[in-house]
Amino acid sequence: MSVPSFLNSIVTWLRAGYPEGVPDVDYLPLFALLASELTDDQVTAIADELASSAELQSAKAIHAAIAEVIHTKPSDADVNRVRSRLAGGGWPLAKPAHLFAPHLTEPDS
């Protein structure tokens, strides 16, 4: 499955933040964090991309986390742990508008 380039950038950051793979315990806070910034379709596309290269057990955990994030809010501690991990891989904590809303243009300077 081909994902848009800005979603591919997110997948790249996720892989940089978790070079050995995302632990199952981090999927729920990870997808909750992503869902706070992206549309459901975008989060699902990222999950599908991660699942396509994961072992079967991890792929099942990814899909379970996507389903669960709709009904369960992860703890702030879990979200902060994931946010910290992603920051180490270059995750833009400042939420640049051009990343999360690619249809917007940058303001003129």
Protein backbone atom coordinates (compact mmCIF):
# COMPACT_ATOMS: atom_id res chain seq x y z
CA MET A 1 0.00 0.00 0.00
CA SER A 2 1.35 3.39 -0.96
CA VAL A 3 0.85 6.17 1.58
CA PRO A 4 1.09 9.92 0.90
CA SER A 5 4.55 11.35 1.47
CA PHE A 6 3.68 13.18 4.70
CA LEU A 7 2.27 9.92 6.16
CA ASN A 8 5.38 8.12 4.93
CA SER A 9 7.42 10.72 6.87
CA ILE A 10 5.50 9.79 10.01
CA VAL A 11 6.14 6.09 9.42
CA THR A 12 9.84 6.91 8.97
CA TRP A 13 9.86 8.82 12.28
CA LEU A 14 8.12 5.93 14.00
CA ARG A 15 10.71 3.52 12.72
CA ALA A 16 13.51 5.88 13.81
CA GLY A 17 11.97 6.23 17.26
CA TYR A 18 11.51 2.47 17.53
CA PRO A 19 14.37 0.95 15.50
CA GLU A 20 13.77 -2.48 17.07
CA GLY A 21 10.01 -2.23 16.47
CA VAL A 22 7.17 -0.80 18.54
CA PRO A 23 6.51 -2.85 21.68
CA ASP A 24 2.91 -4.07 21.90
CA VAL A 25 2.38 -1.99 25.07
CA ASP A 26 3.12 1.22 23.12
CA TYR A 27 0.62 0.73 20.29
CA LEU A 28 -2.40 2.12 22.14
CA PRO A 29 -0.71 5.35 23.34
CA LEU A 30 1.04 5.70 19.97
CA PHE A 31 -2.19 5.53 17.99
CA ALA A 32 -3.96 7.77 20.52
CA LEU A 33 -1.19 10.32 20.06
CA LEU A 34 -1.46 10.08 16.29
CA ALA A 35 -5.27 10.24 16.43
CA SER A 36 -5.04 13.54 18.28
CA GLU A 37 -3.25 15.02 15.26
CA LEU A 38 -4.47 13.07 12.23
CA THR A 39 -7.71 11.83 10.75
CA ASP A 40 -8.93 8.29 11.45
CA ASP A 41 -8.14 7.34 7.83
CA GLN A 42 -4.59 8.67 8.15
CA VAL A 43 -3.99 6.79 11.40
CA THR A 44 -5.39 3.62 9.83
CA ALA A 45 -3.09 4.06 6.80
CA ILE A 46 -0.09 4.38 9.12
CA ALA A 47 -1.20 1.32 11.10
CA ASP A 48 -1.64 -0.68 7.91
CA GLU A 49 1.83 0.35 6.73
CA LEU A 50 3.37 -0.70 10.06
CA ALA A 51 1.40 -3.96 10.10
CA SER A 52 2.51 -4.82 6.56
CA SER A 53 6.12 -5.07 7.70
CA ALA A 54 5.47 -6.55 11.15
CA GLU A 55 5.44 -10.10 12.39
CA LEU A 56 1.97 -11.65 12.62
CA GLN A 57 1.73 -11.16 16.41
CA SER A 58 2.67 -7.48 16.13
CA ALA A 59 0.31 -6.96 13.19
CA LYS A 60 -2.53 -8.35 15.34
CA ALA A 61 -1.51 -6.02 18.19
CA ILE A 62 -1.52 -3.05 15.79
CA HIS A 63 -5.03 -3.81 14.58
CA ALA A 64 -6.26 -4.42 18.13
CA ALA A 65 -4.81 -1.07 19.26
CA ILE A 66 -6.52 0.76 16.41
CA ALA A 67 -9.86 -0.75 17.45
CA GLU A 68 -9.21 -0.06 21.14
CA VAL A 69 -8.11 3.56 20.74
CA ILE A 70 -11.69 4.39 19.80
CA HIS A 71 -12.95 3.18 23.20
CA THR A 72 -10.02 3.63 25.59
CA LYS A 73 -7.94 6.63 26.53
CA PRO A 74 -4.37 5.67 27.42
CA SER A 75 -2.80 7.17 30.51
CA ASP A 76 -0.94 10.46 30.22
CA ALA A 77 2.18 8.64 31.40
CA ASP A 78 1.92 6.17 28.50
CA VAL A 79 1.37 8.94 25.95
CA ASN A 80 4.28 10.95 27.38
CA ARG A 81 6.54 7.86 27.25
CA VAL A 82 5.69 7.37 23.57
CA ARG A 83 6.03 11.09 22.82
CA SER A 84 9.51 11.06 24.41
CA ARG A 85 10.53 8.02 22.44
CA LEU A 86 9.38 9.58 19.17
CA ALA A 87 11.15 12.86 19.98
CA GLY A 88 14.37 10.86 20.09
CA GLY A 89 13.68 9.80 16.50
CA GLY A 90 13.04 13.36 15.32
CA TRP A 91 9.28 13.60 15.91
CA PRO A 92 8.23 17.26 15.54
CA LEU A 93 6.82 18.05 18.98
CA ALA A 94 5.86 21.55 17.86
CA LYS A 95 3.20 20.10 15.52
CA PRO A 96 4.10 22.00 12.35
CA ALA A 97 0.95 22.83 10.41
CA HIS A 98 2.42 21.71 7.09
CA LEU A 99 2.88 18.18 8.45
CA PHE A 100 -0.51 17.60 9.99
CA ALA A 101 -2.56 19.72 7.62
CA PRO A 102 -0.83 19.47 4.25
CA HIS A 103 -3.63 21.38 2.53
CA LEU A 104 -2.67 24.52 4.50
CA THR A 105 0.02 26.82 3.23
CA GLU A 106 2.70 28.39 5.34
CA PRO A 107 2.01 32.01 6.29
CA ASP A 108 3.91 34.64 4.34
CA SER A 109 6.86 36.09 6.22
